[in-house]
Structure formats: structure tokens, C-alpha cells
Protein backbone atom coordinates (compact mmCIF):
# COMPACT_ATOMS: atom_id res chain seq x y z
CA MET A 1 105.58 8.73 70.17
CA LYS A 2 108.51 8.22 67.67
CA SER A 3 111.76 8.21 68.98
CA LYS A 4 114.52 10.17 67.34
CA LYS A 5 116.18 8.59 64.55
CA PRO A 6 120.08 8.62 65.91
CA VAL A 7 122.59 10.68 64.05
CA SER A 8 124.60 8.68 61.41
CA ILE A 9 128.31 8.33 61.66
CA GLN A 10 128.70 9.94 58.09
CA MET A 11 126.71 13.10 59.59
CA LYS A 12 128.59 13.22 62.69
CA LEU A 13 131.97 13.13 60.81
CA LEU A 14 130.79 15.59 58.27
CA LEU A 15 129.75 18.06 61.26
CA SER A 16 132.87 17.68 63.12
CA TYR A 17 134.97 18.42 60.24
CA THR A 18 133.07 21.39 59.18
CA VAL A 19 133.28 22.82 62.61
CA THR A 20 137.20 22.57 62.91
CA SER A 21 137.54 23.36 59.18
CA LEU A 22 135.41 26.84 59.89
CA LEU A 23 137.82 27.44 62.90
CA VAL A 24 140.87 26.85 61.11
CA ILE A 25 140.15 29.09 58.21
CA ILE A 26 139.01 31.89 60.77
CA VAL A 27 142.25 31.57 63.10
CA ASN A 28 144.23 31.73 59.78
CA ILE A 29 142.45 34.67 58.63
CA LEU A 30 142.94 36.56 61.89
CA LEU A 31 146.46 35.63 61.97
CA PHE A 32 147.22 36.41 58.49
CA VAL A 33 145.75 40.04 59.09
CA SER A 34 147.37 40.51 62.32
CA ILE A 35 151.10 39.42 61.14
CA ASN A 36 150.90 41.32 58.06
CA GLY A 37 149.69 44.33 59.73
CA ILE A 38 152.87 44.19 62.13
CA ALA A 39 155.11 43.40 59.20
CA GLU A 40 153.78 46.48 57.46
CA GLU A 41 154.66 48.60 60.45
CA LEU A 42 158.12 47.13 60.84
CA SER A 43 158.60 47.93 57.12
CA ARG A 44 157.67 51.48 57.69
CA ALA A 45 159.55 51.95 61.23
CA TYR A 46 162.39 53.31 59.39
CA GLU A 47 160.65 54.86 56.26
CA THR A 48 161.41 58.45 57.32
CA ASN A 49 165.54 57.71 57.66
CA VAL A 50 164.79 56.17 54.04
CA LEU A 51 163.21 59.53 52.94
CA LEU A 52 166.12 61.64 54.58
CA ASN A 53 168.72 59.55 52.76
CA GLU A 54 166.76 60.03 49.44
CA LEU A 55 166.57 63.67 50.27
CA THR A 56 170.42 64.12 50.85
CA ASP A 57 170.89 62.18 47.60
CA SER A 58 168.45 64.75 45.72
CA LEU A 59 170.40 67.51 47.44
CA GLU A 60 173.55 66.28 46.05
CA ARG A 61 172.14 65.98 42.54
CA VAL A 62 170.99 69.41 42.36
CA GLN A 63 174.48 70.88 43.35
CA SER A 64 176.19 68.59 41.04
CA SER A 65 173.97 69.59 38.22
CA MET A 66 174.44 73.40 38.80
CA THR A 67 178.22 72.89 39.09
CA GLU A 68 178.07 70.86 35.87
CA TYR A 69 176.35 73.30 33.96
CA LEU A 70 178.74 76.34 35.27
CA ASN A 71 181.59 74.07 34.00
CA THR A 72 180.01 73.19 30.63
CA LYS A 73 177.03 75.46 30.24
CA ALA A 74 175.52 72.96 28.05
CA THR A 75 171.66 72.56 27.35
CA ASP A 76 171.17 69.25 28.97
CA ALA A 77 173.22 70.28 31.87
CA ILE A 78 170.72 72.87 32.72
CA GLU A 79 167.78 70.88 31.94
CA ARG A 80 169.16 68.33 34.39
CA TYR A 81 169.50 71.12 37.06
CA TYR A 82 165.86 71.89 36.48
CA ASP A 83 165.00 68.46 36.69
CA THR A 84 167.04 67.72 40.00
CA GLU A 85 165.38 71.05 41.55
CA GLN A 86 162.01 69.49 41.15
CA GLU A 87 162.91 66.13 42.62
CA TYR A 88 164.50 67.88 45.49
CA ARG A 89 161.31 69.71 46.34
CA ASP A 90 158.99 66.56 45.68
CA ASP A 91 161.47 64.47 48.14
CA LEU A 92 161.28 67.42 50.76
CA GLN A 93 157.68 67.60 50.50
CA ARG A 94 157.51 63.88 51.19
CA VAL A 95 159.86 64.34 54.11
CA VAL A 96 157.71 67.10 55.49
CA GLU A 97 154.59 64.62 55.16
CA GLY A 98 156.43 61.51 56.99
CA SER A 99 158.30 63.27 59.84
CA GLN A 100 157.40 65.22 62.93
CA ASN A 101 157.33 68.77 63.30
CA SER A 102 160.83 69.90 64.72
CA ILE A 103 162.88 73.14 64.85
CA VAL A 104 165.55 71.39 62.63
CA LEU A 105 162.96 70.43 60.01
CA GLU A 106 161.80 73.95 59.92
CA ASN A 107 165.52 74.91 59.42
CA ILE A 108 165.90 72.50 56.45
CA LEU A 109 162.61 73.88 55.00
CA ASN A 110 163.95 77.77 55.28
CA LEU A 111 167.43 76.94 54.10
CA SER A 112 166.47 74.81 51.19
CA ASP A 113 164.06 77.78 49.76
CA THR A 114 166.89 80.06 50.05
CA TYR A 115 169.33 77.55 48.80
CA LEU A 116 167.20 76.91 45.55
CA GLU A 117 167.02 80.59 45.09
CA THR A 118 170.32 81.19 45.17
CA ALA A 119 171.15 78.12 42.85
CA THR A 120 168.58 79.47 40.33
CA ASP A 121 170.24 83.06 40.61
CA THR A 122 173.82 81.17 39.80
CA VAL A 123 172.61 79.39 36.72
CA GLN A 124 170.67 82.75 35.72
CA ALA A 125 174.09 84.58 36.26
CA LYS A 126 176.12 82.14 34.34
CA ARG A 127 173.61 82.20 31.30
CA SER A 128 173.76 85.85 31.23
CA ARG A 129 177.71 86.00 31.55
CA ILE A 130 177.49 88.10 34.95
CA VAL A 131 180.65 86.47 36.37
CA ASP A 132 181.29 88.40 39.58
CA LYS A 133 177.63 87.46 40.28
CA TYR A 134 177.43 83.84 39.72
CA ASN A 135 180.91 83.48 41.52
CA VAL A 136 179.48 84.90 44.70
CA SER A 137 175.99 83.28 44.44
CA PHE A 138 177.89 80.07 43.66
CA GLU A 139 179.90 80.42 46.91
CA GLU A 140 176.94 80.95 48.71
CA ALA A 141 174.78 78.12 47.21
CA GLU A 142 178.00 75.81 48.59
CA GLU A 143 177.67 77.13 51.98
CA LEU A 144 174.01 76.97 52.13
CA TYR A 145 174.64 73.23 50.79
CA GLY A 146 177.00 72.35 53.49
CA TYR A 147 174.28 73.60 56.26
CA ILE A 148 171.34 71.98 54.66
CA ASN A 149 173.54 68.66 54.52
CA SER A 150 174.62 69.14 58.30
CA TYR A 151 170.58 69.66 59.15
CA ILE A 152 169.18 66.34 57.39
CA TYR A 153 172.15 64.63 59.31
CA SER A 154 171.04 65.75 62.55
CA LEU A 155 167.16 65.26 61.54
CA ASN A 156 168.31 61.51 60.44
CA ASN A 157 169.76 61.07 64.22
CA GLU A 158 166.72 62.45 65.75
CA GLN A 159 164.11 60.22 63.61
CA PHE A 160 166.35 57.21 64.18
CA ARG A 161 166.35 57.42 67.88
CA TYR A 162 162.41 57.87 67.56
CA ASN A 163 162.03 55.13 65.18
CA SER A 164 164.47 52.74 67.07
CA THR A 165 161.90 52.90 70.24
CA ASN A 166 158.61 52.41 67.96
CA TYR A 167 160.85 49.25 66.30
CA ALA A 168 161.39 47.62 69.73
CA ILE A 169 157.61 48.11 70.80
CA LEU A 170 156.76 46.42 67.32
CA GLN A 171 159.35 43.51 67.70
CA GLY A 172 157.68 42.81 71.08
CA SER A 173 154.38 43.07 69.73
CA LEU A 174 155.48 40.53 66.84
CA ARG A 175 156.89 38.12 69.38
CA ASN A 176 153.77 38.08 71.62
CA LEU A 177 151.83 37.48 68.52
CA GLU A 178 154.08 34.52 67.53
CA PHE A 179 153.56 33.22 71.09
CA LEU A 180 149.72 33.62 70.51
CA THR A 181 150.04 32.29 67.11
CA LEU A 182 151.42 29.06 68.61
CA THR A 183 148.87 28.80 71.53
CA ILE A 184 145.79 29.17 69.03
CA LEU A 185 147.16 26.56 66.62
CA LEU A 186 147.77 24.05 69.39
CA VAL A 187 144.33 24.51 70.87
CA VAL A 188 142.59 24.19 67.32
CA THR A 189 144.84 21.01 67.24
CA GLY A 190 143.62 19.98 70.53
CA VAL A 191 139.97 20.67 69.73
CA ASN A 192 140.36 18.72 66.53
CA ILE A 193 141.60 15.84 68.14
CA LEU A 194 138.84 15.63 70.91
CA LEU A 195 136.11 16.04 68.55
CA THR A 196 137.71 13.23 66.41
CA THR A 197 138.14 10.94 69.48
CA PHE A 198 134.53 11.53 70.70
CA ILE A 199 132.77 10.71 67.45
CA THR A 200 134.94 7.97 66.59
CA LYS A 201 135.51 6.26 69.77
CA ASN A 202 132.53 3.39 69.25
CA ILE A 203 133.59 3.23 65.68
CA MET A 204 135.01 -0.20 65.23
CA ASP A 205 134.96 -0.58 61.48
CA PRO A 206 138.54 -0.66 60.06
CA VAL A 207 137.75 0.93 56.96
CA GLN A 208 135.98 3.66 58.79
CA GLU A 209 138.72 4.39 61.01
CA ARG A 210 141.12 4.57 57.99
CA GLU A 211 138.95 6.93 56.28
CA LEU A 212 139.07 8.61 59.71
CA MET A 213 142.79 8.98 60.12
CA MET A 214 142.96 10.14 56.57
CA GLU A 215 140.79 12.95 56.94
CA ALA A 216 142.68 13.97 60.19
CA HIS A 217 145.82 14.02 58.51
CA LEU A 218 144.43 16.04 55.75
CA LYS A 219 143.18 18.70 58.44
CA ASP A 220 146.30 18.80 60.33
CA ALA A 221 148.19 19.87 57.18
CA GLU A 222 145.79 22.85 56.93
CA LEU A 223 147.45 24.26 60.17
CA LYS A 224 150.34 26.21 59.11
CA TYR A 225 152.13 29.03 60.71
CA LEU A 226 152.24 32.18 58.72
CA GLN A 227 155.16 34.38 58.72
CA ALA A 228 155.87 37.89 57.58
CA GLN A 229 157.56 38.29 54.31
CA ILE A 230 160.62 40.63 54.59
CA ASN A 231 161.08 42.73 51.47
CA PRO A 232 164.25 44.15 50.16
CA HIS A 233 163.43 47.59 51.37
CA PHE A 234 163.11 46.27 54.96
CA LEU A 235 166.71 44.80 54.54
CA PHE A 236 168.08 47.99 53.50
CA ASN A 237 165.96 49.61 56.31
CA THR A 238 167.69 47.18 58.94
CA LEU A 239 171.31 47.77 57.47
CA ASN A 240 170.94 51.42 57.65
CA ALA A 241 169.55 51.40 61.35
CA GLY A 242 172.95 49.15 62.19
CA ALA A 243 174.87 51.67 60.65
CA GLN A 244 173.62 54.47 62.53
CA LEU A 245 173.56 52.42 65.74
CA ALA A 246 177.35 51.51 65.03
CA MET A 247 177.98 55.40 64.43
CA LEU A 248 176.17 56.14 67.75
CA GLU A 249 178.45 53.57 69.56
CA ASN A 250 181.69 54.84 68.15
CA ALA A 251 182.25 51.90 66.03
CA ASP A 252 183.65 53.43 63.33
CA ARG A 253 184.92 50.59 61.27
CA THR A 254 181.76 48.66 61.79
CA CYS A 255 179.57 51.81 60.53
CA GLU A 256 181.67 52.30 57.48
CA TYR A 257 181.16 48.47 56.40
CA ILE A 258 177.44 48.44 57.07
CA GLN A 259 177.00 51.73 55.26
CA ASN A 260 178.72 50.16 52.29
CA MET A 261 176.53 46.99 52.76
CA ALA A 262 173.41 49.37 52.94
CA ALA A 263 174.81 51.26 49.89
CA PHE A 264 175.26 48.05 47.92
CA PHE A 265 172.09 46.55 48.55
CA ARG A 266 170.15 49.82 48.03
CA TYR A 267 171.98 50.13 44.62
CA LYS A 268 170.66 46.57 43.87
CA ILE A 269 167.20 47.42 44.73
CA LYS A 270 166.98 50.66 42.57
CA ARG A 271 169.14 49.51 39.69
CA ASP A 272 168.60 45.76 38.69
CA GLU A 273 167.68 45.87 35.10
CA LYS A 274 167.39 49.41 35.08
CA ASP A 275 168.95 52.29 33.49
CA THR A 276 171.75 54.17 35.20
CA THR A 277 175.11 56.13 34.69
CA LEU A 278 178.90 55.00 34.97
CA SER A 279 179.42 57.06 37.89
CA GLU A 280 176.80 55.28 39.97
CA GLU A 281 178.32 51.78 38.60
CA ILE A 282 181.60 52.81 39.73
CA GLY A 283 179.92 53.61 43.18
CA LEU A 284 178.64 50.30 43.29
CA VAL A 285 182.15 48.87 42.46
CA ASP A 286 183.88 50.78 45.23
CA ASN A 287 181.42 49.45 47.79
CA TYR A 288 181.82 45.94 46.68
CA ILE A 289 185.67 46.16 46.64
CA TYR A 290 185.46 47.63 49.99
CA ILE A 291 183.25 44.78 51.40
CA LEU A 292 185.39 42.20 49.59
CA ASN A 293 188.47 43.59 51.23
CA VAL A 294 187.01 43.13 54.80
CA ARG A 295 186.56 39.55 54.03
CA PHE A 296 190.05 39.39 52.60
CA SER A 297 191.82 41.52 55.08
CA GLY A 298 192.58 44.18 52.31
CA ASP A 299 194.47 41.76 50.06
CA ILE A 300 192.74 42.94 47.17
CA HIS A 301 194.26 46.29 45.75
CA PHE A 302 191.98 48.53 43.60
CA GLU A 303 193.24 51.10 41.44
CA LYS A 304 191.00 53.40 39.14
CA ASP A 305 191.60 55.77 36.37
CA ILE A 306 188.26 57.72 35.70
CA GLN A 307 188.07 60.33 32.87
CA GLU A 308 185.60 62.62 34.55
CA SER A 309 184.11 63.71 31.22
CA CYS A 310 182.69 60.31 30.74
CA VAL A 311 181.03 59.48 34.36
CA ASN A 312 177.59 60.83 33.32
CA THR A 313 177.63 58.63 30.15
CA PRO A 314 174.08 56.30 30.52
CA VAL A 315 174.48 52.63 30.62
CA PRO A 316 172.44 49.71 31.88
CA GLY A 317 172.18 48.71 35.39
CA MET A 318 174.61 46.30 36.98
CA ILE A 319 177.29 45.76 34.05
CA LEU A 320 180.37 46.52 35.90
CA GLN A 321 180.18 44.56 39.30
CA PRO A 322 179.50 41.30 37.80
CA ILE A 323 182.80 41.67 35.60
CA VAL A 324 184.92 42.80 38.54
CA GLU A 325 183.47 39.73 40.63
CA ASN A 326 184.60 37.56 38.18
CA ALA A 327 188.05 38.85 38.10
CA VAL A 328 188.20 38.36 41.70
CA ASN A 329 186.79 34.93 41.96
CA TYR A 330 188.39 33.26 38.89
CA GLY A 331 191.43 35.72 38.37
CA VAL A 332 193.06 36.65 41.56
CA ARG A 333 191.52 35.21 44.52
CA ASP A 334 194.09 32.19 44.81
CA LEU A 335 197.10 34.40 43.87
CA GLU A 336 200.19 34.25 45.89
CA ARG A 337 201.57 37.51 44.86
CA GLU A 338 199.70 40.99 44.79
CA LYS A 339 196.06 40.72 43.77
CA LEU A 340 195.33 43.94 41.60
CA ILE A 341 192.00 45.15 40.15
CA SER A 342 192.10 48.15 38.03
CA LEU A 343 189.55 50.28 36.56
CA ARG A 344 189.91 52.62 33.59
CA VAL A 345 187.34 54.86 32.08
CA PHE A 346 188.35 56.99 29.10
CA SER A 347 187.08 58.35 25.65
CA GLU A 348 188.50 57.47 22.65
CA GLU A 349 187.36 58.82 18.94
CA GLU A 350 183.76 57.55 18.54
CA GLU A 351 183.26 55.72 21.69
CA ILE A 352 183.81 55.76 25.44
CA LYS A 353 185.89 52.57 26.79
CA VAL A 354 185.47 50.91 30.44
CA GLU A 355 188.47 48.51 30.88
CA ILE A 356 188.45 46.05 33.82
CA CYS A 357 192.00 44.39 34.17
CA ASP A 358 193.35 41.67 36.77
CA ASN A 359 196.95 40.41 37.26
CA GLY A 360 195.31 36.79 37.88
CA ILE A 361 195.57 33.34 35.97
CA GLY A 362 194.57 34.63 32.63
CA MET A 363 192.76 32.72 29.86
CA THR A 364 193.66 31.16 26.73
CA LYS A 365 192.53 32.10 23.25
CA GLU A 366 190.22 29.12 23.08
CA ARG A 367 188.60 29.71 26.25
CA ILE A 368 187.69 33.61 25.41
CA ALA A 369 186.42 32.23 21.98
CA GLU A 370 183.99 29.73 24.14
CA VAL A 371 182.80 32.56 26.33
CA MET A 372 182.18 35.25 23.69
CA SER A 373 180.30 32.74 21.18
CA GLY A 374 178.30 31.61 24.39
CA GLU A 375 179.41 27.94 23.52
CA ALA A 376 181.09 27.43 26.98
CA SER A 377 180.25 24.01 28.79
CA ALA A 378 178.18 23.98 31.77
CA ALA A 379 181.15 23.21 33.93
CA LYS A 380 183.11 26.22 32.58
CA ASP A 381 180.09 28.62 32.73
CA ASN A 382 180.04 28.41 36.31
CA LYS A 383 183.59 30.30 36.44
CA ASN A 384 183.09 32.68 33.47
CA LEU A 385 179.36 33.44 33.34
CA SER A 386 178.11 33.67 36.64
CA GLY A 387 178.34 36.52 39.04
CA ASN A 388 175.80 37.48 41.67
CA GLY A 389 172.82 36.58 39.45
CA VAL A 390 173.96 38.54 36.22
CA GLY A 391 176.19 36.55 34.07
CA LEU A 392 178.77 38.14 31.42
CA ILE A 393 176.89 36.77 28.37
CA ASN A 394 173.58 38.44 30.25
CA VAL A 395 175.83 41.48 30.51
CA ILE A 396 176.76 41.53 26.67
CA SER A 397 172.95 40.90 25.71
CA ARG A 398 171.98 43.81 27.87
CA LEU A 399 174.60 46.38 26.35
CA ARG A 400 173.75 45.43 22.77
CA LEU A 401 170.17 45.83 23.71
CA PHE A 402 170.59 48.99 24.90
CA TYR A 403 172.97 50.74 22.57
CA ASN A 404 171.67 48.69 19.74
CA VAL A 405 175.10 47.76 18.39
CA GLU A 406 177.00 44.04 18.37
CA ASN A 407 180.51 44.87 19.15
CA VAL A 408 180.12 45.95 23.00
CA LEU A 409 182.64 43.79 24.96
CA THR A 410 186.04 42.23 24.30
CA ILE A 411 188.10 40.12 26.49
CA GLU A 412 192.17 40.20 25.88
CA SER A 413 194.51 37.87 27.64
CA GLU A 414 198.16 36.95 26.75
CA GLY A 415 197.68 33.61 28.03
CA PRO A 416 197.96 31.75 31.46
CA ASP A 417 199.10 33.46 34.39
CA ARG A 418 199.28 36.56 32.38
CA GLY A 419 196.09 38.36 33.62
CA THR A 420 192.90 39.41 31.75
CA LYS A 421 191.39 42.61 30.38
CA VAL A 422 187.79 43.01 29.64
CA THR A 423 186.85 46.29 27.95
CA ILE A 424 183.14 47.54 27.35
CA HIS A 425 182.67 49.62 24.14
CA ILE A 426 179.97 52.38 24.88
CA PRO A 427 179.23 54.28 21.66
CA LYS A 428 179.14 57.83 21.98
CA ARG A 429 175.28 59.24 21.54
CA ILE A 430 174.88 62.27 19.53
């Protein structure tokens, strides 16, 4: 009877690392699926609160567009009204689909139907020049608008409490999964070590030992911990939850600060590299100045002179905040005297002007020329061209592309310590 041929060292090693490799792959796949599943649930935990915030914004746009039409009776204003009305209906449907049925939600639905009918009657009365009717309808629409806002706020708090409970449960599950992940990876590593030790204990050849060590290190490198990815929307949801928690605890200043932070990030999420309006850009600057003054104890004085007829002018996203940031960081930050930033928006002949002025250290004519020509040195670029990832040259380029004109921005300064004025020139669209 023939004896069995002993298994070769090469075969033993191949079998060992095949088994451990399959084990590592299976464990990684299972952990990847589990962690990503919990991460998605965490991201969705406050989705209803986000939907309600968007519903509030849509309702505000309906009211604003209706008021704009009543004031101007312009064709584009009534078009905006019908667009925002449909947008509000769509957002309302999303809230219904994403929220649990409740008396508050039913009240919102009923009031919304009445409000939209009243708003439409107001617009039609204005078109037909029935003054008494549209005045009465407008007052009724305004009253309904206030009621709906109150109910949405109430529903938002109700959903926040419900979502907070779910979020706490999901957080606990994620912590348990993290512990399980670490345990499994340690076990897999231990099994790998044991198998390798068992197979290689009788191998004396130094070359083979070195090869085994290299293979073992290669396998150890495959054991990586999988982490859930946090996206910008989850960050916004977390800030929004913090604001509501502060509100519930009567921490008014903390609540206001977090709300400004959330508004700032929400705008960044929605508007980076997208079209927007001067009104929304100015709102972002307000948020930014508020956040800065919390940091600098209110030392930065901010003045605005806004011509209301200009605020709906379309502009590319993120054009004002980077300029204001530069004015703060490289204009007024180190001043011993009052730190003043002013924003002025006004119409002049064939263009709308946006002026951002500071009373800071100023700029020389040579420096202005370098900045405008894009020839500034790398060291100086850090001071004049950067700002939250969107530099001044980038702002100029996007303005030129958006309006298809060259003269979109000018910089003026009377010299060192005389302040700086940056003016954006927006051509009026016919």
C-alpha cells in the first residue's frame, strides 16, 4: 500500500493564505454593508426636519412673490408666483410622504389649500384691478401665512423629538458595531497568526521565513477599519438638531449662533458654483458677520445700505462672502480703532453696483494692479486671492462668464491705512 504524499510547504502556505484572505474579504464586505447601512440611517434621521425647513422656505417664497406682483404687477413676478406656488405644493407633498400623520400636519394641509386659493384670488383680483377684493384677500392670505408658519414650527419640534429618539438608538447601534468590528478584526488577525505559526513552525529555511513574513505583513495590511462617510447634508442636519436642542433648553444665544452656522452651511451646500440672487448672497454675508462677531466679541461693525429693487438680481453663487472675508482678514482685523465693514447695493444708469468697503490698512496702486492682472506673487496671493476656497480672481472669472462682460469688478484705495473699496458691476438685464 502506497503512503500518501506529504503536502508541500508551498501548498500549505497557499491554502493558509487563501483561507485567511477569503475570511478577510467576507468580514470586510459584511462590515462595509452594515456600517454604510447605519450611516445612511443616521443621515436620514433628521430628514423630516430638513423637509420642514425647506417647506418654510418655499412658503416664504410664495408670499414674497405674491407681494412682489402686487407691488409691481410685472409679468415675471406673476410667473415667479406660479412657479413658487407649484414648488410649495411639491414640498408639501414630500413632507406628507416623509412625516407621520398628525393633527398638526392635517392643519397644515388644510390651511395651505385655503392659503393658496386666497393668494391666487389676490393675484387675480390685482390683475382685474378689483382693489377692495385684493386688499381683503391679501390681508387674509397674510394671516393664513402666519398660521401655517406656526404650525410648521410646531410640527418641526414634534418631529425633532421623535427623530432625536431614533438618532440616539442609531448612535448606540453604531457604537456596538464599532466594538464588534474591532473584535472581529482582532479575531481574524489572531486566526491568521495561528495558522501561519502552525504551518511555518517546522520551516527552517531563512529564505522561506522571510517570504512568509512578507506575506504576513501583506495580509495584515488588508485589515483596515471601515468608517462611515459624513456628507455635508448630515453636517447641516446635526447643526440644525443642535439649534433646536439649544432652543428647547432656553439657550437663546447659543441657538441663534448655531442657526446662523446652519444657515451658512446650508447656503454653501446649495449654492456653491450655482446661480442665486443678491438677496440670498446678502443673507449669507449677514450669517458670516454674525459668526465672526461671536468670535471677535462684536468688534466688527457692519453697515448695510440696500436698494430693495436690486435684491432679486441674479448673480453667480459665492461672490460677496469671499470679498467680505478678505476685508475682515486682511483689512480690519489688526486695527486698534473701530473695525468697520459696509455693504451698499444700488442702481446706477445701466448697471447695479455692489460696494464692499472697509476702513482698514488699504492697498497701494501697484498692489491693486497686481491683483487685478493676476500677476500677484504666491506669497501675496494668500492675502488677497484666498477666502474660504473661493479667491478674488475666481470671483472675477465667474462674474465675467455669467454676464459675458469684462468690467465686472474694480478695487479702489486712497493708499495705506485709508481703507479699500471693492465694487462689483452688474449689467442690467433687458
